[in-house]
Amino acid sequence: SVAENQAVVTRLRNGATAVSYWASAADGWHVVTTVDTVVAADTETEQHLIVRFSATLLPGQEQLVTVPGAVGTEQQALRIRRVGDQIQMTRIADPSI
């Protein structure tokens, strides 16, 4: 489980990293995830494609974060689940492929 406001870094694939944290609120627990995907790493044309999103999770709900990769490669996903009074963040093989 992950403590409130504790940042968790998850490598989703080569060049893609997710940073997630959560905070409790009256309407549920807010989970914020920022994904940074690096293109042309370590070159003069290196670029970072960054997306940030949030979800409000109630007990029993989950969120799945995936970053597509090359066709035929194993994909990784970040599963964020609210289990009772805990948030669990686990890297898994992407179940959608």
PDB file of N, CA and C in Angstrom:
ATOM      1  N   SER A   1       0.842  -1.189   0.000  1.00  0.00           N
ATOM      2  CA  SER A   1       0.000   0.000   0.000  1.00  0.00           C
ATOM      3  C   SER A   1       0.881   1.245   0.000  1.00  0.00           C
ATOM      4  N   VAL A   2       0.285   2.357  -0.387  1.00  0.00           N
ATOM      5  CA  VAL A   2       1.004   3.617  -0.543  1.00  0.00           C
ATOM      6  C   VAL A   2       0.426   4.640   0.436  1.00  0.00           C
ATOM      7  N   ALA A   3       1.291   5.332   1.160  1.00  0.00           N
ATOM      8  CA  ALA A   3       0.847   6.355   2.107  1.00  0.00           C
ATOM      9  C   ALA A   3       0.332   7.587   1.358  1.00  0.00           C
ATOM     10  N   GLU A   4      -0.592   8.299   1.989  1.00  0.00           N
ATOM     11  CA  GLU A   4      -1.145   9.514   1.394  1.00  0.00           C
ATOM     12  C   GLU A   4      -0.027  10.509   1.093  1.00  0.00           C
ATOM     13  N   ASN A   5      -0.098  11.127  -0.080  1.00  0.00           N
ATOM     14  CA  ASN A   5       0.864  12.127  -0.572  1.00  0.00           C
ATOM     15  C   ASN A   5       2.271  11.582  -0.802  1.00  0.00           C
ATOM     16  N   GLN A   6       2.430  10.263  -0.832  1.00  0.00           N
ATOM     17  CA  GLN A   6       3.720   9.641  -1.140  1.00  0.00           C
ATOM     18  C   GLN A   6       3.813   9.405  -2.638  1.00  0.00           C
ATOM     19  N   ALA A   7       4.821   9.968  -3.284  1.00  0.00           N
ATOM     20  CA  ALA A   7       4.995   9.775  -4.722  1.00  0.00           C
ATOM     21  C   ALA A   7       5.557   8.387  -4.989  1.00  0.00           C
ATOM     22  N   VAL A   8       4.972   7.718  -5.984  1.00  0.00           N
ATOM     23  CA  VAL A   8       5.426   6.393  -6.395  1.00  0.00           C
ATOM     24  C   VAL A   8       5.817   6.480  -7.864  1.00  0.00           C
ATOM     25  N   VAL A   9       7.030   6.048  -8.190  1.00  0.00           N
ATOM     26  CA  VAL A   9       7.531   6.072  -9.561  1.00  0.00           C
ATOM     27  C   VAL A   9       7.456   4.652 -10.118  1.00  0.00           C
ATOM     28  N   THR A  10       6.834   4.512 -11.303  1.00  0.00           N
ATOM     29  CA  THR A  10       6.686   3.205 -11.939  1.00  0.00           C
ATOM     30  C   THR A  10       7.178   3.300 -13.377  1.00  0.00           C
ATOM     31  N   ARG A  11       8.112   2.445 -13.741  1.00  0.00           N
ATOM     32  CA  ARG A  11       8.588   2.390 -15.130  1.00  0.00           C
ATOM     33  C   ARG A  11       7.612   1.507 -15.906  1.00  0.00           C
ATOM     34  N   LEU A  12       6.951   2.096 -16.904  1.00  0.00           N
ATOM     35  CA  LEU A  12       5.951   1.362 -17.674  1.00  0.00           C
ATOM     36  C   LEU A  12       6.560   0.668 -18.885  1.00  0.00           C
ATOM     37  N   ARG A  13       7.570   1.251 -19.461  1.00  0.00           N
ATOM     38  CA  ARG A  13       8.324   0.642 -20.555  1.00  0.00           C
ATOM     39  C   ARG A  13       9.572   1.494 -20.744  1.00  0.00           C
ATOM     40  N   ASN A  14      10.460   1.067 -21.622  1.00  0.00           N
ATOM     41  CA  ASN A  14      11.665   1.833 -21.872  1.00  0.00           C
ATOM     42  C   ASN A  14      11.285   3.231 -22.345  1.00  0.00           C
ATOM     43  N   GLY A  15      11.659   4.245 -21.578  1.00  0.00           N
ATOM     44  CA  GLY A  15      11.361   5.620 -21.956  1.00  0.00           C
ATOM     45  C   GLY A  15      10.037   6.153 -21.453  1.00  0.00           C
ATOM     46  N   ALA A  16       9.290   5.384 -20.674  1.00  0.00           N
ATOM     47  CA  ALA A  16       8.001   5.859 -20.148  1.00  0.00           C
ATOM     48  C   ALA A  16       7.920   5.579 -18.648  1.00  0.00           C
ATOM     49  N   THR A  17       7.703   6.652 -17.898  1.00  0.00           N
ATOM     50  CA  THR A  17       7.646   6.556 -16.446  1.00  0.00           C
ATOM     51  C   THR A  17       6.394   7.250 -15.936  1.00  0.00           C
ATOM     52  N   ALA A  18       5.760   6.631 -14.943  1.00  0.00           N
ATOM     53  CA  ALA A  18       4.586   7.233 -14.303  1.00  0.00           C
ATOM     54  C   ALA A  18       4.948   7.609 -12.869  1.00  0.00           C
ATOM     55  N   VAL A  19       4.507   8.792 -12.452  1.00  0.00           N
ATOM     56  CA  VAL A  19       4.644   9.229 -11.065  1.00  0.00           C
ATOM     57  C   VAL A  19       3.227   9.452 -10.543  1.00  0.00           C
ATOM     58  N   SER A  20       2.881   8.753  -9.457  1.00  0.00           N
ATOM     59  CA  SER A  20       1.516   8.808  -8.920  1.00  0.00           C
ATOM     60  C   SER A  20       1.532   9.124  -7.431  1.00  0.00           C
ATOM     61  N   TYR A  21       0.476   9.793  -6.980  1.00  0.00           N
ATOM     62  CA  TYR A  21       0.252  10.003  -5.551  1.00  0.00           C
ATOM     63  C   TYR A  21      -1.248  10.146  -5.332  1.00  0.00           C
ATOM     64  N   TRP A  22      -1.682  10.079  -4.086  1.00  0.00           N
ATOM     65  CA  TRP A  22      -3.100  10.225  -3.789  1.00  0.00           C
ATOM     66  C   TRP A  22      -3.284  11.085  -2.543  1.00  0.00           C
ATOM     67  N   ALA A  23      -4.488  11.670  -2.454  1.00  0.00           N
ATOM     68  CA  ALA A  23      -4.864  12.483  -1.292  1.00  0.00           C
ATOM     69  C   ALA A  23      -6.350  12.273  -1.023  1.00  0.00           C
ATOM     70  N   SER A  24      -6.714  12.194   0.227  1.00  0.00           N
ATOM     71  CA  SER A  24      -8.120  11.981   0.574  1.00  0.00           C
ATOM     72  C   SER A  24      -8.887  13.296   0.520  1.00  0.00           C
ATOM     73  N   ALA A  25     -10.168  13.178   0.169  1.00  0.00           N
ATOM     74  CA  ALA A  25     -11.078  14.328   0.113  1.00  0.00           C
ATOM     75  C   ALA A  25     -12.465  13.823   0.483  1.00  0.00           C
ATOM     76  N   ALA A  26     -13.380  14.737   0.692  1.00  0.00           N
ATOM     77  CA  ALA A  26     -14.734  14.369   1.106  1.00  0.00           C
ATOM     78  C   ALA A  26     -15.450  13.508   0.065  1.00  0.00           C
ATOM     79  N   ASP A  27     -15.143  13.711  -1.226  1.00  0.00           N
ATOM     80  CA  ASP A  27     -15.837  12.973  -2.277  1.00  0.00           C
ATOM     81  C   ASP A  27     -15.124  11.690  -2.707  1.00  0.00           C
ATOM     82  N   GLY A  28     -14.041  11.328  -2.053  1.00  0.00           N
ATOM     83  CA  GLY A  28     -13.280  10.116  -2.384  1.00  0.00           C
ATOM     84  C   GLY A  28     -11.792  10.401  -2.307  1.00  0.00           C
ATOM     85  N   TRP A  29     -11.014   9.451  -2.721  1.00  0.00           N
ATOM     86  CA  TRP A  29      -9.563   9.622  -2.709  1.00  0.00           C
ATOM     87  C   TRP A  29      -9.096   9.966  -4.112  1.00  0.00           C
ATOM     88  N   HIS A  30      -8.429  11.089  -4.241  1.00  0.00           N
ATOM     89  CA  HIS A  30      -7.977  11.590  -5.535  1.00  0.00           C
ATOM     90  C   HIS A  30      -6.588  11.039  -5.833  1.00  0.00           C
ATOM     91  N   VAL A  31      -6.475  10.358  -6.965  1.00  0.00           N
ATOM     92  CA  VAL A  31      -5.200   9.810  -7.422  1.00  0.00           C
ATOM     93  C   VAL A  31      -4.754  10.619  -8.629  1.00  0.00           C
ATOM     94  N   VAL A  32      -3.542  11.129  -8.575  1.00  0.00           N
ATOM     95  CA  VAL A  32      -2.981  11.921  -9.670  1.00  0.00           C
ATOM     96  C   VAL A  32      -1.788  11.161 -10.239  1.00  0.00           C
ATOM     97  N   THR A  33      -1.776  11.004 -11.558  1.00  0.00           N
ATOM     98  CA  THR A  33      -0.681  10.309 -12.234  1.00  0.00           C
ATOM     99  C   THR A  33      -0.161  11.182 -13.367  1.00  0.00           C
ATOM    100  N   THR A  34       1.146  11.340 -13.417  1.00  0.00           N
ATOM    101  CA  THR A  34       1.807  12.054 -14.496  1.00  0.00           C
ATOM    102  C   THR A  34       2.694  11.056 -15.224  1.00  0.00           C
ATOM    103  N   VAL A  35       2.504  10.939 -16.539  1.00  0.00           N
ATOM    104  CA  VAL A  35       3.303  10.017 -17.339  1.00  0.00           C
ATOM    105  C   VAL A  35       4.224  10.831 -18.234  1.00  0.00           C
ATOM    106  N   ASP A  36       5.510  10.507 -18.194  1.00  0.00           N
ATOM    107  CA  ASP A  36       6.532  11.156 -19.014  1.00  0.00           C
ATOM    108  C   ASP A  36       7.074  10.115 -19.987  1.00  0.00           C
ATOM    109  N   THR A  37       6.885  10.341 -21.276  1.00  0.00           N
ATOM    110  CA  THR A  37       7.420   9.464 -22.306  1.00  0.00           C
ATOM    111  C   THR A  37       8.512  10.217 -23.049  1.00  0.00           C
ATOM    112  N   VAL A  38       9.702   9.640 -23.089  1.00  0.00           N
ATOM    113  CA  VAL A  38      10.853  10.288 -23.725  1.00  0.00           C
ATOM    114  C   VAL A  38      11.007   9.746 -25.143  1.00  0.00           C
ATOM    115  N   VAL A  39      11.129  10.662 -26.097  1.00  0.00           N
ATOM    116  CA  VAL A  39      11.346  10.322 -27.505  1.00  0.00           C
ATOM    117  C   VAL A  39      12.742  10.791 -27.884  1.00  0.00           C
ATOM    118  N   ALA A  40      13.494   9.943 -28.575  1.00  0.00           N
ATOM    119  CA  ALA A  40      14.865  10.256 -29.014  1.00  0.00           C
ATOM    120  C   ALA A  40      15.753  10.615 -27.822  1.00  0.00           C
ATOM    121  N   ALA A  41      15.714   9.762 -26.798  1.00  0.00           N
ATOM    122  CA  ALA A  41      16.481  10.012 -25.575  1.00  0.00           C
ATOM    123  C   ALA A  41      17.968  10.165 -25.862  1.00  0.00           C
ATOM    124  N   ASP A  42      18.584  11.048 -25.104  1.00  0.00           N
ATOM    125  CA  ASP A  42      20.030  11.288 -25.169  1.00  0.00           C
ATOM    126  C   ASP A  42      20.520  11.753 -26.536  1.00  0.00           C
ATOM    127  N   THR A  43      19.659  12.458 -27.252  1.00  0.00           N
ATOM    128  CA  THR A  43      20.069  13.055 -28.523  1.00  0.00           C
ATOM    129  C   THR A  43      19.719  14.535 -28.487  1.00  0.00           C
ATOM    130  N   GLU A  44      20.139  15.264 -29.498  1.00  0.00           N
ATOM    131  CA  GLU A  44      19.816  16.691 -29.569  1.00  0.00           C
ATOM    132  C   GLU A  44      18.331  16.935 -29.788  1.00  0.00           C
ATOM    133  N   THR A  45      17.621  15.930 -30.271  1.00  0.00           N
ATOM    134  CA  THR A  45      16.185  16.087 -30.551  1.00  0.00           C
ATOM    135  C   THR A  45      15.303  15.447 -29.473  1.00  0.00           C
ATOM    136  N   GLU A  46      15.887  15.147 -28.307  1.00  0.00           N
ATOM    137  CA  GLU A  46      15.112  14.527 -27.222  1.00  0.00           C
ATOM    138  C   GLU A  46      13.888  15.375 -26.884  1.00  0.00           C
ATOM    139  N   GLN A  47      12.748  14.698 -26.747  1.00  0.00           N
ATOM    140  CA  GLN A  47      11.501  15.371 -26.372  1.00  0.00           C
ATOM    141  C   GLN A  47      10.815  14.573 -25.270  1.00  0.00           C
ATOM    142  N   HIS A  48      10.089  15.288 -24.428  1.00  0.00           N
ATOM    143  CA  HIS A  48       9.297  14.659 -23.376  1.00  0.00           C
ATOM    144  C   HIS A  48       7.825  14.909 -23.675  1.00  0.00           C
ATOM    145  N   LEU A  49       7.077  13.836 -23.795  1.00  0.00           N
ATOM    146  CA  LEU A  49       5.631  13.915 -23.996  1.00  0.00           C
ATOM    147  C   LEU A  49       5.002  13.608 -22.645  1.00  0.00           C
ATOM    148  N   ILE A  50       4.375  14.615 -22.052  1.00  0.00           N
ATOM    149  CA  ILE A  50       3.890  14.489 -20.683  1.00  0.00           C
ATOM    150  C   ILE A  50       2.381  14.653 -20.656  1.00  0.00           C
ATOM    151  N   VAL A  51       1.737  13.748 -19.918  1.00  0.00           N
ATOM    152  CA  VAL A  51       0.297  13.832 -19.718  1.00  0.00           C
ATOM    153  C   VAL A  51       0.021  13.613 -18.223  1.00  0.00           C
ATOM    154  N   ARG A  52      -0.926  14.390 -17.724  1.00  0.00           N
ATOM    155  CA  ARG A  52      -1.277  14.295 -16.303  1.00  0.00           C
ATOM    156  C   ARG A  52      -2.780  14.161 -16.204  1.00  0.00           C
ATOM    157  N   PHE A  53      -3.233  13.248 -15.375  1.00  0.00           N
ATOM    158  CA  PHE A  53      -4.665  13.071 -15.196  1.00  0.00           C
ATOM    159  C   PHE A  53      -4.930  12.618 -13.768  1.00  0.00           C
ATOM    160  N   SER A  54      -6.196  12.692 -13.392  1.00  0.00           N
ATOM    161  CA  SER A  54      -6.566  12.285 -12.039  1.00  0.00           C
ATOM    162  C   SER A  54      -7.871  11.509 -12.067  1.00  0.00           C
ATOM    163  N   ALA A  55      -8.076  10.757 -11.008  1.00  0.00           N
ATOM    164  CA  ALA A  55      -9.308   9.993 -10.831  1.00  0.00           C
ATOM    165  C   ALA A  55      -9.673  10.035  -9.362  1.00  0.00           C
ATOM    166  N   THR A  56     -10.957   9.980  -9.082  1.00  0.00           N
ATOM    167  CA  THR A  56     -11.439   9.899  -7.708  1.00  0.00           C
ATOM    168  C   THR A  56     -11.904   8.471  -7.480  1.00  0.00           C
ATOM    169  N   LEU A  57     -11.243   7.775  -6.552  1.00  0.00           N
ATOM    170  CA  LEU A  57     -11.548   6.372  -6.318  1.00  0.00           C
ATOM    171  C   LEU A  57     -12.305   6.184  -5.011  1.00  0.00           C
ATOM    172  N   LEU A  58     -13.376   5.414  -5.095  1.00  0.00           N
ATOM    173  CA  LEU A  58     -14.126   4.974  -3.930  1.00  0.00           C
ATOM    174  C   LEU A  58     -13.670   3.559  -3.605  1.00  0.00           C
ATOM    175  N   PRO A  59     -13.976   3.025  -2.418  1.00  0.00           N
ATOM    176  CA  PRO A  59     -13.558   1.670  -2.090  1.00  0.00           C
ATOM    177  C   PRO A  59     -14.004   0.673  -3.161  1.00  0.00           C
ATOM    178  N   GLY A  60     -13.083  -0.198  -3.581  1.00  0.00           N
ATOM    179  CA  GLY A  60     -13.371  -1.211  -4.577  1.00  0.00           C
ATOM    180  C   GLY A  60     -13.121  -0.776  -6.008  1.00  0.00           C
ATOM    181  N   GLN A  61     -12.837   0.491  -6.255  1.00  0.00           N
ATOM    182  CA  GLN A  61     -12.597   0.965  -7.614  1.00  0.00           C
ATOM    183  C   GLN A  61     -11.110   0.902  -7.947  1.00  0.00           C
ATOM    184  N   GLU A  62     -10.828   0.856  -9.251  1.00  0.00           N
ATOM    185  CA  GLU A  62      -9.442   0.847  -9.696  1.00  0.00           C
ATOM    186  C   GLU A  62      -9.287   1.645 -10.977  1.00  0.00           C
ATOM    187  N   GLN A  63      -8.052   1.959 -11.280  1.00  0.00           N
ATOM    188  CA  GLN A  63      -7.684   2.706 -12.477  1.00  0.00           C
ATOM    189  C   GLN A  63      -6.518   1.960 -13.115  1.00  0.00           C
ATOM    190  N   LEU A  64      -6.496   1.878 -14.441  1.00  0.00           N
ATOM    191  CA  LEU A  64      -5.424   1.214 -15.160  1.00  0.00           C
ATOM    192  C   LEU A  64      -4.758   2.233 -16.078  1.00  0.00           C
ATOM    193  N   VAL A  65      -3.434   2.389 -15.953  1.00  0.00           N
ATOM    194  CA  VAL A  65      -2.665   3.333 -16.757  1.00  0.00           C
ATOM    195  C   VAL A  65      -1.738   2.523 -17.654  1.00  0.00           C
ATOM    196  N   THR A  66      -1.844   2.741 -18.976  1.00  0.00           N
ATOM    197  CA  THR A  66      -0.972   2.032 -19.913  1.00  0.00           C
ATOM    198  C   THR A  66      -0.359   3.017 -20.900  1.00  0.00           C
ATOM    199  N   VAL A  67       0.803   2.648 -21.413  1.00  0.00           N
ATOM    200  CA  VAL A  67       1.476   3.423 -22.445  1.00  0.00           C
ATOM    201  C   VAL A  67       1.757   2.464 -23.594  1.00  0.00           C
ATOM    202  N   PRO A  68       1.241   2.735 -24.801  1.00  0.00           N
ATOM    203  CA  PRO A  68       1.470   1.802 -25.905  1.00  0.00           C
ATOM    204  C   PRO A  68       2.939   1.746 -26.286  1.00  0.00           C
ATOM    205  N   GLY A  69       3.343   0.574 -26.747  1.00  0.00           N
ATOM    206  CA  GLY A  69       4.711   0.371 -27.219  1.00  0.00           C
ATOM    207  C   GLY A  69       4.681  -0.231 -28.605  1.00  0.00           C
ATOM    208  N   ALA A  70       5.807  -0.733 -29.030  1.00  0.00           N
ATOM    209  CA  ALA A  70       5.913  -1.336 -30.357  1.00  0.00           C
ATOM    210  C   ALA A  70       5.033  -2.579 -30.447  1.00  0.00           C
ATOM    211  N   VAL A  71       4.487  -2.811 -31.621  1.00  0.00           N
ATOM    212  CA  VAL A  71       3.653  -3.983 -31.859  1.00  0.00           C
ATOM    213  C   VAL A  71       4.474  -5.242 -31.573  1.00  0.00           C
ATOM    214  N   GLY A  72       3.866  -6.167 -30.855  1.00  0.00           N
ATOM    215  CA  GLY A  72       4.527  -7.431 -30.563  1.00  0.00           C
ATOM    216  C   GLY A  72       5.369  -7.424 -29.305  1.00  0.00           C
ATOM    217  N   THR A  73       5.519  -6.279 -28.648  1.00  0.00           N
ATOM    218  CA  THR A  73       6.284  -6.238 -27.404  1.00  0.00           C
ATOM    219  C   THR A  73       5.331  -6.342 -26.224  1.00  0.00           C
ATOM    220  N   GLU A  74       5.840  -6.880 -25.126  1.00  0.00           N
ATOM    221  CA  GLU A  74       5.014  -6.991 -23.931  1.00  0.00           C
ATOM    222  C   GLU A  74       4.745  -5.594 -23.371  1.00  0.00           C
ATOM    223  N   GLN A  75       3.499  -5.306 -23.127  1.00  0.00           N
ATOM    224  CA  GLN A  75       3.105  -4.007 -22.588  1.00  0.00           C
ATOM    225  C   GLN A  75       3.032  -4.094 -21.063  1.00  0.00           C
ATOM    226  N   GLN A  76       3.324  -3.001 -20.405  1.00  0.00           N
ATOM    227  CA  GLN A  76       3.214  -2.917 -18.956  1.00  0.00           C
ATOM    228  C   GLN A  76       2.106  -1.936 -18.618  1.00  0.00           C
ATOM    229  N   ALA A  77       1.473  -2.150 -17.484  1.00  0.00           N
ATOM    230  CA  ALA A  77       0.404  -1.266 -17.032  1.00  0.00           C
ATOM    231  C   ALA A  77       0.610  -0.989 -15.553  1.00  0.00           C
ATOM    232  N   LEU A  78       0.062   0.111 -15.106  1.00  0.00           N
ATOM    233  CA  LEU A  78       0.061   0.456 -13.689  1.00  0.00           C
ATOM    234  C   LEU A  78      -1.377   0.322 -13.205  1.00  0.00           C
ATOM    235  N   ARG A  79      -1.610  -0.594 -12.267  1.00  0.00           N
ATOM    236  CA  ARG A  79      -2.945  -0.769 -11.685  1.00  0.00           C
ATOM    237  C   ARG A  79      -2.964  -0.032 -10.343  1.00  0.00           C
ATOM    238  N   ILE A  80      -3.906   0.905 -10.225  1.00  0.00           N
ATOM    239  CA  ILE A  80      -4.083   1.665  -8.989  1.00  0.00           C
ATOM    240  C   ILE A  80      -5.446   1.266  -8.430  1.00  0.00           C
ATOM    241  N   ARG A  81      -5.449   0.691  -7.226  1.00  0.00           N
ATOM    242  CA  ARG A  81      -6.697   0.203  -6.638  1.00  0.00           C
ATOM    243  C   ARG A  81      -6.889   0.776  -5.245  1.00  0.00           C
ATOM    244  N   ARG A  82      -8.149   1.063  -4.944  1.00  0.00           N
ATOM    245  CA  ARG A  82      -8.491   1.424  -3.572  1.00  0.00           C
ATOM    246  C   ARG A  82      -9.116   0.202  -2.933  1.00  0.00           C
ATOM    247  N   VAL A  83      -8.420  -0.325  -1.948  1.00  0.00           N
ATOM    248  CA  VAL A  83      -8.869  -1.512  -1.229  1.00  0.00           C
ATOM    249  C   VAL A  83      -9.091  -1.090   0.221  1.00  0.00           C
ATOM    250  N   GLY A  84     -10.359  -0.926   0.589  1.00  0.00           N
ATOM    251  CA  GLY A  84     -10.676  -0.462   1.943  1.00  0.00           C
ATOM    252  C   GLY A  84     -10.087   0.909   2.193  1.00  0.00           C
ATOM    253  N   ASP A  85      -9.210   0.987   3.184  1.00  0.00           N
ATOM    254  CA  ASP A  85      -8.590   2.270   3.528  1.00  0.00           C
ATOM    255  C   ASP A  85      -7.143   2.339   3.040  1.00  0.00           C
ATOM    256  N   GLN A  86      -6.862   1.643   1.917  1.00  0.00           N
ATOM    257  CA  GLN A  86      -5.521   1.646   1.345  1.00  0.00           C
ATOM    258  C   GLN A  86      -5.586   1.901  -0.164  1.00  0.00           C
ATOM    259  N   ILE A  87      -4.499   2.467  -0.682  1.00  0.00           N
ATOM    260  CA  ILE A  87      -4.287   2.559  -2.124  1.00  0.00           C
ATOM    261  C   ILE A  87      -3.132   1.633  -2.456  1.00  0.00           C
ATOM    262  N   GLN A  88      -3.344   0.774  -3.460  1.00  0.00           N
ATOM    263  CA  GLN A  88      -2.300  -0.136  -3.914  1.00  0.00           C
ATOM    264  C   GLN A  88      -1.923   0.241  -5.337  1.00  0.00           C
ATOM    265  N   MET A  89      -0.625   0.328  -5.615  1.00  0.00           N
ATOM    266  CA  MET A  89      -0.121   0.615  -6.956  1.00  0.00           C
ATOM    267  C   MET A  89       0.813  -0.518  -7.351  1.00  0.00           C
ATOM    268  N   THR A  90       0.469  -1.195  -8.459  1.00  0.00           N
ATOM    269  CA  THR A  90       1.212  -2.371  -8.887  1.00  0.00           C
ATOM    270  C   THR A  90       1.442  -2.336 -10.391  1.00  0.00           C
ATOM    271  N   ARG A  91       2.665  -2.596 -10.822  1.00  0.00           N
ATOM    272  CA  ARG A  91       2.948  -2.738 -12.246  1.00  0.00           C
ATOM    273  C   ARG A  91       2.589  -4.167 -12.647  1.00  0.00           C
ATOM    274  N   ILE A  92       1.829  -4.283 -13.737  1.00  0.00           N
ATOM    275  CA  ILE A  92       1.369  -5.591 -14.201  1.00  0.00           C
ATOM    276  C   ILE A  92       1.563  -5.690 -15.706  1.00  0.00           C
ATOM    277  N   ALA A  93       1.483  -6.903 -16.249  1.00  0.00           N
ATOM    278  CA  ALA A  93       1.419  -7.071 -17.701  1.00  0.00           C
ATOM    279  C   ALA A  93       0.060  -6.532 -18.126  1.00  0.00           C
ATOM    280  N   ASP A  94       0.033  -5.756 -19.201  1.00  0.00           N
ATOM    281  CA  ASP A  94      -1.202  -5.131 -19.672  1.00  0.00           C
ATOM    282  C   ASP A  94      -2.213  -6.206 -20.041  1.00  0.00           C
ATOM    283  N   PRO A  95      -3.347  -6.260 -19.343  1.00  0.00           N
ATOM    284  CA  PRO A  95      -4.347  -7.297 -19.612  1.00  0.00           C
ATOM    285  C   PRO A  95      -5.141  -7.053 -20.882  1.00  0.00           C
ATOM    286  N   SER A  96      -4.984  -5.910 -21.538  1.00  0.00           N
ATOM    287  CA  SER A  96      -5.779  -5.604 -22.718  1.00  0.00           C
ATOM    288  C   SER A  96      -5.192  -6.165 -24.002  1.00  0.00           C
ATOM    289  N   ILE A  97      -3.981  -6.746 -23.925  1.00  0.00           N
ATOM    290  CA  ILE A  97      -3.378  -7.297 -25.152  1.00  0.00           C
ATOM    291  C   ILE A  97      -3.502  -8.793 -25.189  1.00  0.00           C
TER     292      ILE A  97
END
